[in-house]
Every structure is written in C-alpha cells, then in structure tokens.
C-alpha cells in the first residue's frame, strides 16, 4: 500500500477537519455505505481505497464485494463500509478518487487486451504516469490484463533517438556499449528504438533483446517483423488507439505499448451511497 500517497491525499482534502460534517452529522451517528459501479468496469484500487478508510478510522468495518481485476456491471457493489458516518463521509472522496482513477485504467486496459485477443501481441504500459502514482497505475494495468514495461530508468535499457544522437555525436560505438551494458548488468534487457527499417537491420545485427518500432505504418511493421525474423522481440508504439490496435497486432509484433492507458484513461463511474 502506498501509505505516503494516502497520507498526502488526506492532508490536502481534510486539512484541519471536515467542517460540514462537524455541524451536520452527530458525532455518535453510525451508518453503512456502499461503493457501487455505475458503468461496466474492471475493479482496481481496492487496497488504497481501503487504506483511506482505515487511516481515517480504524474502527470502520470494510467488506469487499469484489477483488481487483474483477469485472462489474452497472449497479454492482464493490465495497461496503460500516461505522461512524463522519468517518465514512470523510473517506468518501479520497477513496473514490483512488477507485475511479485506477479502475478507469484497468477498464481501458481490458478493452485493449480484448481487442488483440487471438494474436500474439500483449499490451504494455509506459512511463507516462502521474508522479507518485506509478506503482498503483502499473498495477491497474495488470488488473486489466496488460503487462508492465520497465518500471523506471533503473531496471532496463531503452535506447531512444536522443540517446543514439548523443552517443554518435560523442563518437561512441553503439555495439560496443551494448556489450559493456551486458557485461556489467547481467540479465538486464537491452532495447533500441527504431524509426526506420534500416535501423531495424542495424539493431538486429547488434544482437539487442528488443526493438521498439516507433510510429511505423502497418506495412513497415510487417516488414520490420520479417527482418527481425524472431531474433529479438518487437514492440509497436506511437499513437495506437483502440480502433487501430487490432490491425497493429495482426502485423505480427510481440507487444504493443500504449501510453494512453495511464495518461489518458477516463475515470470510471463509481459512487458511494449511504444506506
């Protein structure tokens, strides 16, 4: 659980206290609240949402009606909470923020995963995440059936166009650098970004682990896959949408990265009702 993120959310929302509930809700009033799906969705964010209630009032009793990764239909319950009404209302907005944002990512991911079903392609996320939210957002992608690309700059090598330009400007040999990376970081994957088919040929010859095929047409993707011939993994990227992802998958690439999963997925429609 990302305790620091929960603490920060509580601090910015509650501050010195919930003034409205202080005047309108008796301190001893108890009740039950149900968090409910208002659209078809894939659940994600139950752990941080539960952590919000527990941080505000450990006496609140929580009963989940779903697990992360479960699909829910409109009107289906996700989480039940019972306790002091002041505590339930203080937690409402923050808990919903976690659930709505993360379920939105999981739901969008599931749509992409379903769209490429039957092909070899898997759906990947990117580093285009909200600061501080990366672990939760990447977990939401997994809940939706997607896969995580590298977590950050520290766990994999991805050589992009600016790295290539800078290294060549410094007179460095790319192949020699790949050899050094592997010698000093055994097991760390090495991937290069290619904008052209000539680059694909060059990087395959260097023996890289994967090639990111950036903003290529469907014909270029098919030709790139043929050039690679299974000697390394292929990943398509660049402006891929739900409408185009199936055609991209059918070119034979191994994976498709979609930055929009984390930076543009709409929040899922989820509400909390006192009963």
Protein backbone atom coordinates (compact mmCIF):
# COMPACT_ATOMS: atom_id res chain seq x y z
CA UNK A 1 0.00 0.00 0.00
CA UNK A 2 1.29 3.47 -0.88
CA UNK A 3 0.96 4.97 2.60
CA UNK A 4 2.67 8.25 1.71
CA UNK A 5 0.23 8.85 -1.15
CA UNK A 6 -2.74 8.15 1.12
CA UNK A 7 -1.35 10.46 3.81
CA UNK A 8 -0.80 13.24 1.28
CA UNK A 9 -4.35 12.84 -0.05
CA UNK A 10 -5.81 13.01 3.46
CA UNK A 11 -3.75 16.08 4.32
CA UNK A 12 -4.82 18.04 1.27
CA UNK A 13 -8.51 17.11 1.48
CA UNK A 14 -9.30 17.03 5.20
CA UNK A 15 -6.74 19.52 6.48
CA UNK A 16 -7.82 20.63 9.95
CA UNK A 17 -11.11 18.73 9.76
CA UNK A 18 -14.38 18.23 7.90
CA UNK A 19 -16.28 21.40 8.81
CA UNK A 20 -19.53 20.33 7.13
CA UNK A 21 -19.81 17.02 8.98
CA UNK A 22 -18.84 18.70 12.27
CA UNK A 23 -22.07 20.71 12.13
CA UNK A 24 -24.47 18.45 10.22
CA UNK A 25 -23.54 14.92 11.35
CA UNK A 26 -23.85 13.92 15.05
CA UNK A 27 -20.58 12.52 16.34
CA UNK A 28 -22.24 9.29 17.51
CA UNK A 29 -24.25 8.62 14.33
CA UNK A 30 -23.43 5.31 12.67
CA UNK A 31 -24.29 4.06 9.22
CA UNK A 32 -23.45 1.84 6.28
CA UNK A 33 -22.11 2.92 2.91
CA UNK A 34 -21.95 1.00 -0.34
CA UNK A 35 -19.47 1.82 -3.10
CA UNK A 36 -21.14 0.88 -6.38
CA UNK A 37 -20.17 0.63 -10.05
CA UNK A 38 -22.17 2.95 -12.30
CA UNK A 39 -20.80 1.53 -15.55
CA UNK A 40 -19.31 -1.71 -16.80
CA UNK A 41 -15.76 -1.69 -15.44
CA UNK A 42 -12.77 -3.63 -14.17
CA UNK A 43 -12.04 -3.03 -10.50
CA UNK A 44 -8.69 -1.67 -9.36
CA UNK A 45 -7.65 0.32 -6.31
CA UNK A 46 -9.31 -1.60 -3.50
CA UNK A 47 -6.18 -1.64 -1.37
CA UNK A 48 -5.56 2.14 -1.32
CA UNK A 49 -9.30 2.83 -1.02
CA UNK A 50 -9.49 0.52 1.99
CA UNK A 51 -6.38 2.19 3.37
CA UNK A 52 -8.13 5.56 3.28
CA UNK A 53 -10.97 4.32 5.49
CA UNK A 54 -8.54 2.60 7.86
CA UNK A 55 -6.38 5.73 8.15
CA UNK A 56 -9.35 7.94 8.99
CA UNK A 57 -10.97 5.50 11.39
CA UNK A 58 -9.61 2.01 12.13
CA UNK A 59 -12.99 1.10 13.62
CA UNK A 60 -14.71 1.27 10.22
CA UNK A 61 -15.59 -2.27 9.10
CA UNK A 62 -14.93 -2.97 5.42
CA UNK A 63 -16.44 -5.80 3.39
CA UNK A 64 -15.26 -6.03 -0.22
CA UNK A 65 -17.79 -7.29 -2.74
CA UNK A 66 -15.18 -7.71 -5.49
CA UNK A 67 -11.48 -8.21 -5.99
CA UNK A 68 -9.06 -6.17 -8.06
CA UNK A 69 -9.29 -7.43 -11.63
CA UNK A 70 -12.95 -8.41 -11.35
CA UNK A 71 -15.43 -7.10 -13.88
CA UNK A 72 -18.52 -5.33 -12.54
CA UNK A 73 -21.79 -4.38 -14.19
CA UNK A 74 -23.69 -1.12 -13.51
CA UNK A 75 -25.26 -1.21 -10.05
CA UNK A 76 -22.96 -3.94 -8.73
CA UNK A 77 -21.39 -3.31 -5.30
CA UNK A 78 -17.61 -3.07 -4.97
CA UNK A 79 -17.01 -2.29 -1.29
CA UNK A 80 -19.21 -1.98 1.81
CA UNK A 81 -18.19 0.19 4.77
CA UNK A 82 -19.86 0.40 8.18
CA UNK A 83 -19.02 2.76 11.02
CA UNK A 84 -19.25 6.38 12.16
CA UNK A 85 -20.98 8.44 9.46
CA UNK A 86 -18.48 11.26 9.91
CA UNK A 87 -15.66 8.82 9.11
CA UNK A 88 -17.46 7.39 6.10
CA UNK A 89 -18.06 10.83 4.62
CA UNK A 90 -14.50 11.98 5.32
CA UNK A 91 -13.16 8.97 3.42
CA UNK A 92 -15.66 9.08 0.56
CA UNK A 93 -13.99 11.43 -1.92
CA UNK A 94 -10.43 10.20 -1.44
CA UNK A 95 -11.39 6.52 -1.61
CA UNK A 96 -13.41 7.18 -4.75
CA UNK A 97 -10.54 9.10 -6.31
CA UNK A 98 -8.33 6.02 -5.99
CA UNK A 99 -11.01 3.62 -7.21
CA UNK A 100 -12.23 5.77 -10.09
CA UNK A 101 -8.80 6.58 -11.48
CA UNK A 102 -7.32 3.09 -11.13
CA UNK A 103 -10.47 1.27 -12.26
CA UNK A 104 -10.51 3.58 -15.27
CA UNK A 105 -7.02 2.42 -16.20
CA UNK A 106 -7.88 -1.25 -15.63
CA UNK A 107 -11.06 -0.90 -17.69
CA UNK A 108 -9.30 0.76 -20.62
CA UNK A 109 -6.55 -1.85 -20.50
CA UNK A 110 -9.06 -4.69 -20.64
CA UNK A 111 -10.58 -3.17 -23.78
CA UNK A 112 -7.18 -3.13 -25.48
CA UNK A 113 -6.43 -6.67 -24.32
CA UNK A 114 -9.78 -7.90 -25.65
CA UNK A 115 -9.18 -6.10 -28.95
CA UNK A 116 -5.98 -8.08 -29.65
CA UNK A 117 -7.27 -11.44 -28.40
CA UNK A 118 -6.17 -14.30 -30.62
CA UNK A 119 -2.99 -12.55 -31.78
CA UNK A 120 0.47 -12.96 -30.30
CA UNK A 121 0.61 -9.36 -29.13
CA UNK A 122 0.47 -8.35 -25.48
CA UNK A 123 -0.46 -4.87 -24.29
CA UNK A 124 2.21 -2.88 -22.43
CA UNK A 125 2.11 0.33 -20.43
CA UNK A 126 4.77 3.07 -20.45
CA UNK A 127 6.41 5.51 -18.02
CA UNK A 128 3.74 8.12 -18.78
CA UNK A 129 2.33 8.03 -15.27
CA UNK A 130 1.32 10.60 -12.66
CA UNK A 131 4.20 11.44 -10.29
CA UNK A 132 3.92 9.24 -7.22
CA UNK A 133 1.20 7.05 -8.76
CA UNK A 134 3.38 4.80 -10.95
CA UNK A 135 3.22 1.63 -8.85
CA UNK A 136 -0.56 1.88 -8.49
CA UNK A 137 -1.15 2.75 -12.14
CA UNK A 138 1.04 -0.08 -13.38
CA UNK A 139 -0.75 -2.45 -11.00
CA UNK A 140 -4.05 -1.27 -12.50
CA UNK A 141 -2.73 -2.18 -15.96
CA UNK A 142 -2.05 -5.70 -14.67
CA UNK A 143 -5.54 -5.86 -13.19
CA UNK A 144 -6.85 -5.11 -16.68
CA UNK A 145 -4.83 -7.94 -18.20
CA UNK A 146 -1.97 -5.85 -19.56
CA UNK A 147 1.74 -6.16 -18.87
CA UNK A 148 4.22 -3.72 -17.41
CA UNK A 149 7.08 -2.33 -19.44
CA UNK A 150 10.09 -1.23 -17.40
CA UNK A 151 9.22 0.37 -14.08
CA UNK A 152 11.72 3.21 -14.44
CA UNK A 153 15.09 4.17 -15.84
CA UNK A 154 16.82 1.77 -13.47
CA UNK A 155 15.56 -1.68 -14.46
CA UNK A 156 16.02 -1.87 -18.23
CA UNK A 157 17.95 -0.19 -21.05
CA UNK A 158 15.84 1.57 -23.67
CA UNK A 159 17.99 3.45 -26.17
CA UNK A 160 15.87 6.11 -27.87
CA UNK A 161 16.59 8.57 -30.67
CA UNK A 162 18.11 11.20 -28.39
CA UNK A 163 20.44 8.63 -26.77
CA UNK A 164 21.55 7.48 -30.21
CA UNK A 165 22.15 11.02 -31.46
CA UNK A 166 24.11 12.00 -28.35
CA UNK A 167 26.22 8.82 -28.35
CA UNK A 168 27.11 9.18 -32.02
CA UNK A 169 27.90 12.87 -31.57
CA UNK A 170 30.38 11.77 -28.89
CA UNK A 171 31.93 9.27 -31.31
CA UNK A 172 30.79 6.22 -29.36
CA UNK A 173 30.20 2.79 -30.88
CA UNK A 174 26.67 1.55 -30.12
CA UNK A 175 27.54 -2.12 -30.38
CA UNK A 176 30.46 -1.75 -28.01
CA UNK A 177 28.22 -0.02 -25.48
CA UNK A 178 25.68 -2.86 -25.67
CA UNK A 179 28.48 -5.30 -24.88
CA UNK A 180 29.55 -3.23 -21.90
CA UNK A 181 25.99 -2.98 -20.57
CA UNK A 182 25.60 -6.74 -20.71
CA UNK A 183 28.96 -7.37 -19.07
CA UNK A 184 28.20 -5.02 -16.19
CA UNK A 185 24.45 -5.76 -15.84
CA UNK A 186 23.84 -9.48 -16.47
CA UNK A 187 20.23 -10.20 -17.31
CA UNK A 188 19.22 -6.58 -17.89
CA UNK A 189 17.25 -6.32 -21.17
CA UNK A 190 18.56 -4.00 -23.86
CA UNK A 191 16.05 -2.44 -26.25
CA UNK A 192 16.58 0.07 -29.07
CA UNK A 193 14.03 2.40 -30.63
CA UNK A 194 13.91 2.28 -34.43
CA UNK A 195 12.25 4.83 -36.68
CA UNK A 196 13.31 3.21 -39.97
CA UNK A 197 13.76 -0.27 -41.40
CA UNK A 198 17.47 0.42 -41.87
CA UNK A 199 17.74 0.95 -38.13
CA UNK A 200 15.87 -2.30 -37.54
CA UNK A 201 18.51 -4.13 -39.62
CA UNK A 202 21.32 -2.37 -37.75
CA UNK A 203 19.95 -3.13 -34.29
CA UNK A 204 19.13 -6.76 -35.07
CA UNK A 205 22.73 -7.23 -36.19
CA UNK A 206 23.87 -5.84 -32.82
CA UNK A 207 22.00 -8.64 -31.04
CA UNK A 208 19.66 -6.47 -28.95
CA UNK A 209 16.90 -8.08 -26.90
CA UNK A 210 14.06 -6.00 -28.32
CA UNK A 211 13.33 -3.28 -30.85
CA UNK A 212 10.73 -0.57 -30.33
CA UNK A 213 9.14 0.17 -33.70
CA UNK A 214 8.16 3.80 -33.30
CA UNK A 215 5.32 5.36 -35.31
CA UNK A 216 5.66 2.93 -38.22
CA UNK A 217 2.92 2.24 -40.75
CA UNK A 218 1.26 -1.17 -40.85
CA UNK A 219 3.32 -2.10 -43.90
CA UNK A 220 6.54 -1.01 -42.19
CA UNK A 221 5.61 -3.02 -39.09
CA UNK A 222 5.06 -6.15 -41.17
CA UNK A 223 8.39 -5.66 -42.95
CA UNK A 224 10.16 -5.00 -39.65
CA UNK A 225 8.79 -8.22 -38.17
CA UNK A 226 10.04 -10.11 -41.25
CA UNK A 227 13.51 -8.52 -40.97
CA UNK A 228 13.75 -9.43 -37.29
CA UNK A 229 12.70 -12.98 -38.02
CA UNK A 230 12.29 -13.89 -34.37
CA UNK A 231 15.85 -12.94 -33.43
CA UNK A 232 14.57 -10.44 -30.87
CA UNK A 233 11.26 -9.16 -29.56
CA UNK A 234 9.35 -6.48 -31.44
CA UNK A 235 7.22 -3.74 -29.89
CA UNK A 236 4.95 -1.32 -31.74
CA UNK A 237 4.41 2.13 -30.27
CA UNK A 238 3.17 5.58 -31.15
CA UNK A 239 -0.40 6.89 -31.19
CA UNK A 240 -2.05 3.47 -31.15
CA UNK A 241 -5.75 3.63 -30.32
CA UNK A 242 -8.48 1.12 -29.56
CA UNK A 243 -9.62 1.48 -33.17
CA UNK A 244 -6.18 0.71 -34.65
CA UNK A 245 -4.68 -1.74 -32.16
CA UNK A 246 -6.11 -4.89 -33.77
CA UNK A 247 -4.55 -4.08 -37.14
CA UNK A 248 -1.23 -3.36 -35.44
CA UNK A 249 -1.38 -6.68 -33.57
CA UNK A 250 -2.05 -8.54 -36.82
CA UNK A 251 1.29 -7.37 -38.25
CA UNK A 252 2.92 -9.97 -36.01
CA UNK A 253 4.58 -7.76 -33.39
CA UNK A 254 5.17 -9.30 -29.97
CA UNK A 255 3.88 -6.37 -27.95
CA UNK A 256 2.14 -3.02 -28.26
CA UNK A 257 2.81 -0.18 -25.84
CA UNK A 258 0.01 2.30 -25.17
CA UNK A 259 0.88 5.39 -23.16
CA UNK A 260 -2.77 6.43 -23.08
CA UNK A 261 -3.57 3.63 -20.64
CA UNK A 262 -2.07 5.64 -17.80
CA UNK A 263 -2.06 9.22 -19.06
CA UNK A 264 -5.49 9.46 -20.69
CA UNK A 265 -7.88 6.79 -19.41
CA UNK A 266 -11.13 8.37 -18.19
CA UNK A 267 -12.08 7.81 -14.58
CA UNK A 268 -14.57 5.00 -14.05
CA UNK A 269 -18.04 5.99 -12.86
CA UNK A 270 -18.22 4.80 -9.26
CA UNK A 271 -20.28 6.26 -6.42
CA UNK A 272 -20.76 5.84 -2.69
CA UNK A 273 -24.26 5.69 -1.20
CA UNK A 274 -25.26 5.82 2.46
CA UNK A 275 -27.94 3.32 3.34
